[in-house]
PDB file of N, CA and C in Angstrom:
ATOM      1  N   MET A   1     -39.349 -20.945  -0.270  1.00  0.00           N
ATOM      2  CA  MET A   1     -37.902 -20.020  -0.498  1.00  0.00           C
ATOM      3  C   MET A   1     -36.649 -20.742  -1.013  1.00  0.00           C
ATOM      4  N   ASN A   2     -36.465 -21.691  -2.325  1.00  0.00           N
ATOM      5  CA  ASN A   2     -35.504 -22.781  -2.663  1.00  0.00           C
ATOM      6  C   ASN A   2     -35.006 -21.572  -3.510  1.00  0.00           C
ATOM      7  N   ASN A   3     -33.689 -22.240  -3.868  1.00  0.00           N
ATOM      8  CA  ASN A   3     -32.587 -21.349  -4.985  1.00  0.00           C
ATOM      9  C   ASN A   3     -32.538 -19.700  -4.638  1.00  0.00           C
ATOM     10  N   ILE A   4     -32.376 -19.461  -3.473  1.00  0.00           N
ATOM     11  CA  ILE A   4     -32.283 -18.152  -3.541  1.00  0.00           C
ATOM     12  C   ILE A   4     -30.865 -17.530  -4.032  1.00  0.00           C
ATOM     13  N   LEU A   5     -29.943 -18.620  -3.913  1.00  0.00           N
ATOM     14  CA  LEU A   5     -28.511 -17.950  -4.364  1.00  0.00           C
ATOM     15  C   LEU A   5     -28.320 -18.650  -6.176  1.00  0.00           C
ATOM     16  N   THR A   6     -27.382 -17.788  -6.421  1.00  0.00           N
ATOM     17  CA  THR A   6     -27.074 -17.731  -8.024  1.00  0.00           C
ATOM     18  C   THR A   6     -26.164 -18.534  -7.932  1.00  0.00           C
ATOM     19  N   PRO A   7     -26.027 -19.821  -8.822  1.00  0.00           N
ATOM     20  CA  PRO A   7     -24.681 -20.552  -9.214  1.00  0.00           C
ATOM     21  C   PRO A   7     -22.910 -19.513  -8.728  1.00  0.00           C
ATOM     22  N   ARG A   8     -22.933 -18.543  -9.199  1.00  0.00           N
ATOM     23  CA  ARG A   8     -21.964 -18.046  -8.758  1.00  0.00           C
ATOM     24  C   ARG A   8     -22.036 -17.307  -7.263  1.00  0.00           C
ATOM     25  N   GLU A   9     -23.090 -16.773  -6.209  1.00  0.00           N
ATOM     26  CA  GLU A   9     -23.182 -16.930  -4.867  1.00  0.00           C
ATOM     27  C   GLU A   9     -23.004 -18.520  -4.573  1.00  0.00           C
ATOM     28  N   LYS A  10     -23.601 -19.215  -4.738  1.00  0.00           N
ATOM     29  CA  LYS A  10     -23.241 -20.931  -4.394  1.00  0.00           C
ATOM     30  C   LYS A  10     -21.947 -21.130  -4.384  1.00  0.00           C
ATOM     31  N   GLU A  11     -21.192 -21.092  -5.745  1.00  0.00           N
ATOM     32  CA  GLU A  11     -19.936 -21.048  -5.683  1.00  0.00           C
ATOM     33  C   GLU A  11     -18.730 -19.993  -4.492  1.00  0.00           C
ATOM     34  N   ILE A  12     -19.107 -19.154  -4.108  1.00  0.00           N
ATOM     35  CA  ILE A  12     -18.423 -18.198  -3.315  1.00  0.00           C
ATOM     36  C   ILE A  12     -18.561 -18.515  -1.990  1.00  0.00           C
ATOM     37  N   PHE A  13     -20.005 -19.115  -1.612  1.00  0.00           N
ATOM     38  CA  PHE A  13     -19.907 -19.465  -0.049  1.00  0.00           C
ATOM     39  C   PHE A  13     -19.826 -21.219   0.235  1.00  0.00           C
ATOM     40  N   THR A  14     -19.737 -21.414  -0.991  1.00  0.00           N
ATOM     41  CA  THR A  14     -19.062 -23.022  -0.873  1.00  0.00           C
ATOM     42  C   THR A  14     -17.633 -22.945  -0.451  1.00  0.00           C
ATOM     43  N   LEU A  15     -16.492 -21.553  -1.417  1.00  0.00           N
ATOM     44  CA  LEU A  15     -15.525 -21.582  -0.489  1.00  0.00           C
ATOM     45  C   LEU A  15     -15.427 -21.427   0.935  1.00  0.00           C
ATOM     46  N   LEU A  16     -16.302 -20.283   0.818  1.00  0.00           N
ATOM     47  CA  LEU A  16     -16.231 -19.391   2.404  1.00  0.00           C
ATOM     48  C   LEU A  16     -16.558 -20.765   3.207  1.00  0.00           C
ATOM     49  N   ILE A  17     -17.114 -21.799   3.206  1.00  0.00           N
ATOM     50  CA  ILE A  17     -17.115 -22.348   4.048  1.00  0.00           C
ATOM     51  C   ILE A  17     -16.082 -23.457   4.331  1.00  0.00           C
ATOM     52  N   ASP A  18     -15.303 -23.371   3.182  1.00  0.00           N
ATOM     53  CA  ASP A  18     -14.021 -24.036   3.033  1.00  0.00           C
ATOM     54  C   ASP A  18     -12.804 -23.094   3.480  1.00  0.00           C
ATOM     55  N   ASN A  19     -13.306 -22.233   3.707  1.00  0.00           N
ATOM     56  CA  ASN A  19     -11.980 -21.089   4.689  1.00  0.00           C
ATOM     57  C   ASN A  19     -11.068 -20.754   4.047  1.00  0.00           C
ATOM     58  N   PHE A  20     -11.735 -20.254   2.236  1.00  0.00           N
ATOM     59  CA  PHE A  20     -10.721 -19.597   1.427  1.00  0.00           C
ATOM     60  C   PHE A  20     -11.236 -18.185   2.277  1.00  0.00           C
ATOM     61  N   SER A  21      -9.995 -17.603   2.017  1.00  0.00           N
ATOM     62  CA  SER A  21     -10.405 -15.666   2.220  1.00  0.00           C
ATOM     63  C   SER A  21     -11.036 -15.319   0.489  1.00  0.00           C
ATOM     64  N   THR A  22     -11.282 -14.096   1.048  1.00  0.00           N
ATOM     65  CA  THR A  22     -11.705 -13.026   0.008  1.00  0.00           C
ATOM     66  C   THR A  22     -11.304 -13.194  -1.296  1.00  0.00           C
ATOM     67  N   LYS A  23      -9.319 -12.980  -0.827  1.00  0.00           N
ATOM     68  CA  LYS A  23      -8.334 -12.571  -1.528  1.00  0.00           C
ATOM     69  C   LYS A  23      -8.282 -13.996  -2.299  1.00  0.00           C
ATOM     70  N   GLU A  24      -8.448 -15.303  -1.754  1.00  0.00           N
ATOM     71  CA  GLU A  24      -8.295 -16.648  -2.224  1.00  0.00           C
ATOM     72  C   GLU A  24      -9.410 -17.003  -3.136  1.00  0.00           C
ATOM     73  N   ILE A  25     -10.726 -16.611  -3.259  1.00  0.00           N
ATOM     74  CA  ILE A  25     -11.808 -16.732  -3.763  1.00  0.00           C
ATOM     75  C   ILE A  25     -11.959 -16.083  -5.168  1.00  0.00           C
ATOM     76  N   ALA A  26     -11.394 -15.094  -5.286  1.00  0.00           N
ATOM     77  CA  ALA A  26     -10.957 -14.569  -6.076  1.00  0.00           C
ATOM     78  C   ALA A  26      -9.968 -15.076  -7.131  1.00  0.00           C
ATOM     79  N   THR A  27      -9.112 -15.396  -6.943  1.00  0.00           N
ATOM     80  CA  THR A  27      -8.130 -16.065  -7.226  1.00  0.00           C
ATOM     81  C   THR A  27      -8.623 -17.232  -7.755  1.00  0.00           C
ATOM     82  N   GLU A  28      -9.109 -18.202  -7.139  1.00  0.00           N
ATOM     83  CA  GLU A  28      -9.514 -19.160  -7.316  1.00  0.00           C
ATOM     84  C   GLU A  28     -11.486 -19.512  -8.919  1.00  0.00           C
ATOM     85  N   LEU A  29     -11.550 -18.219  -8.701  1.00  0.00           N
ATOM     86  CA  LEU A  29     -12.480 -18.208  -9.302  1.00  0.00           C
ATOM     87  C   LEU A  29     -12.634 -17.052 -10.409  1.00  0.00           C
ATOM     88  N   ASN A  30     -11.470 -16.406 -10.480  1.00  0.00           N
ATOM     89  CA  ASN A  30     -10.754 -15.509 -11.850  1.00  0.00           C
ATOM     90  C   ASN A  30     -11.651 -14.128 -11.806  1.00  0.00           C
ATOM     91  N   ILE A  31     -11.898 -14.072 -10.780  1.00  0.00           N
ATOM     92  CA  ILE A  31     -12.501 -12.879 -10.345  1.00  0.00           C
ATOM     93  C   ILE A  31     -11.722 -11.487  -9.814  1.00  0.00           C
ATOM     94  N   SER A  32     -12.237  -9.961  -9.452  1.00  0.00           N
ATOM     95  CA  SER A  32     -11.588  -9.201  -8.862  1.00  0.00           C
ATOM     96  C   SER A  32     -12.722  -9.814  -7.218  1.00  0.00           C
ATOM     97  N   GLU A  33     -11.640  -8.748  -6.280  1.00  0.00           N
ATOM     98  CA  GLU A  33     -12.352  -9.370  -4.310  1.00  0.00           C
ATOM     99  C   GLU A  33     -12.918  -7.962  -4.524  1.00  0.00           C
ATOM    100  N   LYS A  34     -13.472  -7.337  -5.086  1.00  0.00           N
ATOM    101  CA  LYS A  34     -14.450  -6.451  -5.365  1.00  0.00           C
ATOM    102  C   LYS A  34     -15.571  -7.390  -5.680  1.00  0.00           C
ATOM    103  N   THR A  35     -15.358  -7.839  -6.303  1.00  0.00           N
ATOM    104  CA  THR A  35     -16.748  -8.838  -6.734  1.00  0.00           C
ATOM    105  C   THR A  35     -17.284  -9.548  -5.997  1.00  0.00           C
ATOM    106  N   VAL A  36     -15.896 -10.276  -5.426  1.00  0.00           N
ATOM    107  CA  VAL A  36     -16.827 -11.623  -4.653  1.00  0.00           C
ATOM    108  C   VAL A  36     -17.443 -10.743  -3.199  1.00  0.00           C
ATOM    109  N   ARG A  37     -16.838  -9.715  -2.680  1.00  0.00           N
ATOM    110  CA  ARG A  37     -17.632  -8.988  -1.664  1.00  0.00           C
ATOM    111  C   ARG A  37     -18.924  -8.226  -2.125  1.00  0.00           C
ATOM    112  N   ASN A  38     -19.005  -7.919  -3.366  1.00  0.00           N
ATOM    113  CA  ASN A  38     -20.620  -7.613  -4.132  1.00  0.00           C
ATOM    114  C   ASN A  38     -21.374  -8.765  -3.817  1.00  0.00           C
ATOM    115  N   HIS A  39     -20.631 -10.013  -3.969  1.00  0.00           N
ATOM    116  CA  HIS A  39     -21.650 -11.346  -4.216  1.00  0.00           C
ATOM    117  C   HIS A  39     -22.166 -11.666  -2.172  1.00  0.00           C
ATOM    118  N   ILE A  40     -20.981 -10.978  -1.650  1.00  0.00           N
ATOM    119  CA  ILE A  40     -21.546 -11.690  -0.307  1.00  0.00           C
ATOM    120  C   ILE A  40     -22.371 -10.346  -0.004  1.00  0.00           C
ATOM    121  N   SER A  41     -22.138  -9.080  -0.191  1.00  0.00           N
ATOM    122  CA  SER A  41     -23.061  -8.156   0.439  1.00  0.00           C
ATOM    123  C   SER A  41     -24.451  -8.374  -0.664  1.00  0.00           C
ATOM    124  N   ASN A  42     -24.843  -8.942  -1.581  1.00  0.00           N
ATOM    125  CA  ASN A  42     -25.634  -9.217  -2.281  1.00  0.00           C
ATOM    126  C   ASN A  42     -26.520 -10.476  -1.662  1.00  0.00           C
ATOM    127  N   VAL A  43     -25.851 -11.213  -1.174  1.00  0.00           N
ATOM    128  CA  VAL A  43     -26.488 -12.319  -0.251  1.00  0.00           C
ATOM    129  C   VAL A  43     -26.899 -12.111   0.818  1.00  0.00           C
ATOM    130  N   MET A  44     -26.151 -11.341   1.818  1.00  0.00           N
ATOM    131  CA  MET A  44     -26.773 -11.208   3.371  1.00  0.00           C
ATOM    132  C   MET A  44     -27.905 -10.277   2.991  1.00  0.00           C
ATOM    133  N   GLN A  45     -28.021  -9.077   1.772  1.00  0.00           N
ATOM    134  CA  GLN A  45     -28.920  -8.320   1.907  1.00  0.00           C
ATOM    135  C   GLN A  45     -30.264  -9.255   1.345  1.00  0.00           C
ATOM    136  N   LYS A  46     -30.480 -10.250   0.562  1.00  0.00           N
ATOM    137  CA  LYS A  46     -31.130 -11.337   0.385  1.00  0.00           C
ATOM    138  C   LYS A  46     -32.038 -12.105   1.676  1.00  0.00           C
ATOM    139  N   LEU A  47     -30.540 -12.025   2.475  1.00  0.00           N
ATOM    140  CA  LEU A  47     -31.357 -13.047   4.062  1.00  0.00           C
ATOM    141  C   LEU A  47     -31.417 -12.093   5.170  1.00  0.00           C
ATOM    142  N   GLY A  48     -31.443 -10.627   4.722  1.00  0.00           N
ATOM    143  CA  GLY A  48     -31.765  -9.998   5.586  1.00  0.00           C
ATOM    144  C   GLY A  48     -30.842  -9.878   7.229  1.00  0.00           C
ATOM    145  N   VAL A  49     -29.313 -10.305   7.044  1.00  0.00           N
ATOM    146  CA  VAL A  49     -28.627 -10.759   7.645  1.00  0.00           C
ATOM    147  C   VAL A  49     -27.277  -9.637   7.992  1.00  0.00           C
ATOM    148  N   ASN A  50     -26.172  -9.803   9.097  1.00  0.00           N
ATOM    149  CA  ASN A  50     -25.422  -8.758   9.216  1.00  0.00           C
ATOM    150  C   ASN A  50     -24.485 -10.291   9.198  1.00  0.00           C
ATOM    151  N   GLY A  51     -23.186  -9.690   7.993  1.00  0.00           N
ATOM    152  CA  GLY A  51     -22.068 -10.560   8.142  1.00  0.00           C
ATOM    153  C   GLY A  51     -21.816 -12.266   7.706  1.00  0.00           C
ATOM    154  N   ARG A  52     -20.904 -12.683   7.130  1.00  0.00           N
ATOM    155  CA  ARG A  52     -20.591 -13.459   6.520  1.00  0.00           C
ATOM    156  C   ARG A  52     -21.008 -14.268   7.215  1.00  0.00           C
ATOM    157  N   ALA A  53     -20.782 -14.975   8.602  1.00  0.00           N
ATOM    158  CA  ALA A  53     -20.791 -16.087   9.474  1.00  0.00           C
ATOM    159  C   ALA A  53     -22.638 -16.417   9.524  1.00  0.00           C
ATOM    160  N   SER A  54     -23.163 -15.418   9.755  1.00  0.00           N
ATOM    161  CA  SER A  54     -24.869 -15.011   9.927  1.00  0.00           C
ATOM    162  C   SER A  54     -25.861 -15.579   8.925  1.00  0.00           C
ATOM    163  N   ALA A  55     -25.047 -14.899   7.311  1.00  0.00           N
ATOM    164  CA  ALA A  55     -25.432 -15.582   6.321  1.00  0.00           C
ATOM    165  C   ALA A  55     -25.253 -17.251   6.107  1.00  0.00           C
ATOM    166  N   VAL A  56     -23.686 -17.822   6.386  1.00  0.00           N
ATOM    167  CA  VAL A  56     -23.802 -19.180   5.821  1.00  0.00           C
ATOM    168  C   VAL A  56     -24.612 -20.431   6.948  1.00  0.00           C
ATOM    169  N   VAL A  57     -24.905 -19.742   8.468  1.00  0.00           N
ATOM    170  CA  VAL A  57     -25.993 -20.321   9.034  1.00  0.00           C
ATOM    171  C   VAL A  57     -27.368 -19.912   8.549  1.00  0.00           C
ATOM    172  N   GLU A  58     -27.827 -19.136   8.206  1.00  0.00           N
ATOM    173  CA  GLU A  58     -28.920 -18.935   7.618  1.00  0.00           C
ATOM    174  C   GLU A  58     -28.930 -19.714   6.289  1.00  0.00           C
ATOM    175  N   LEU A  59     -28.193 -20.067   5.298  1.00  0.00           N
ATOM    176  CA  LEU A  59     -27.932 -20.411   4.064  1.00  0.00           C
ATOM    177  C   LEU A  59     -28.208 -21.886   4.809  1.00  0.00           C
ATOM    178  N   LEU A  60     -27.353 -22.745   5.728  1.00  0.00           N
ATOM    179  CA  LEU A  60     -27.153 -24.183   5.707  1.00  0.00           C
ATOM    180  C   LEU A  60     -29.136 -24.455   6.416  1.00  0.00           C
ATOM    181  N   LYS A  61     -29.363 -23.612   7.040  1.00  0.00           N
ATOM    182  CA  LYS A  61     -30.978 -23.388   7.392  1.00  0.00           C
ATOM    183  C   LYS A  61     -31.903 -23.958   6.702  1.00  0.00           C
ATOM    184  N   LEU A  62     -31.754 -22.919   5.592  1.00  0.00           N
ATOM    185  CA  LEU A  62     -32.566 -23.078   4.501  1.00  0.00           C
ATOM    186  C   LEU A  62     -31.898 -24.204   3.403  1.00  0.00           C
ATOM    187  N   LYS A  63     -30.912 -25.080   3.834  1.00  0.00           N
ATOM    188  CA  LYS A  63     -30.811 -25.934   2.883  1.00  0.00           C
ATOM    189  C   LYS A  63     -30.061 -25.622   1.387  1.00  0.00           C
ATOM    190  N   GLU A  64     -29.307 -24.359   1.343  1.00  0.00           N
ATOM    191  CA  GLU A  64     -28.969 -23.723   0.412  1.00  0.00           C
ATOM    192  C   GLU A  64     -27.970 -24.416   0.285  1.00  0.00           C
ATOM    193  N   LEU A  65     -26.855 -24.568   0.950  1.00  0.00           N
ATOM    194  CA  LEU A  65     -25.731 -24.692   1.608  1.00  0.00           C
ATOM    195  C   LEU A  65     -25.898 -26.186   2.547  1.00  0.00           C
ATOM    196  N   SER A  66     -24.590 -26.693   2.537  1.00  0.00           N
ATOM    197  CA  SER A  66     -24.309 -28.246   2.775  1.00  0.00           C
ATOM    198  C   SER A  66     -22.897 -28.119   3.388  1.00  0.00           C
ATOM    199  N   ILE A  67     -22.404 -29.064   4.849  1.00  0.00           N
ATOM    200  CA  ILE A  67     -20.960 -28.841   5.066  1.00  0.00           C
ATOM    201  C   ILE A  67     -20.757 -29.874   4.771  1.00  0.00           C
TER     202      ILE A  67
END
């Protein structure tokens, strides 16, 4: 189950781990806050989890992200 994340989703979750807010991520990547939220929602749905923190934990377990 490798490469669950698209490159953009990986960027967003990497910034989340770095403690960026939705607004800060949107500014950093030059996209809307709604787009950021949509990407996060899509990832949570792919993983079958509720909440950003659960998504981050799963992505770390799956080695999609590292701290």
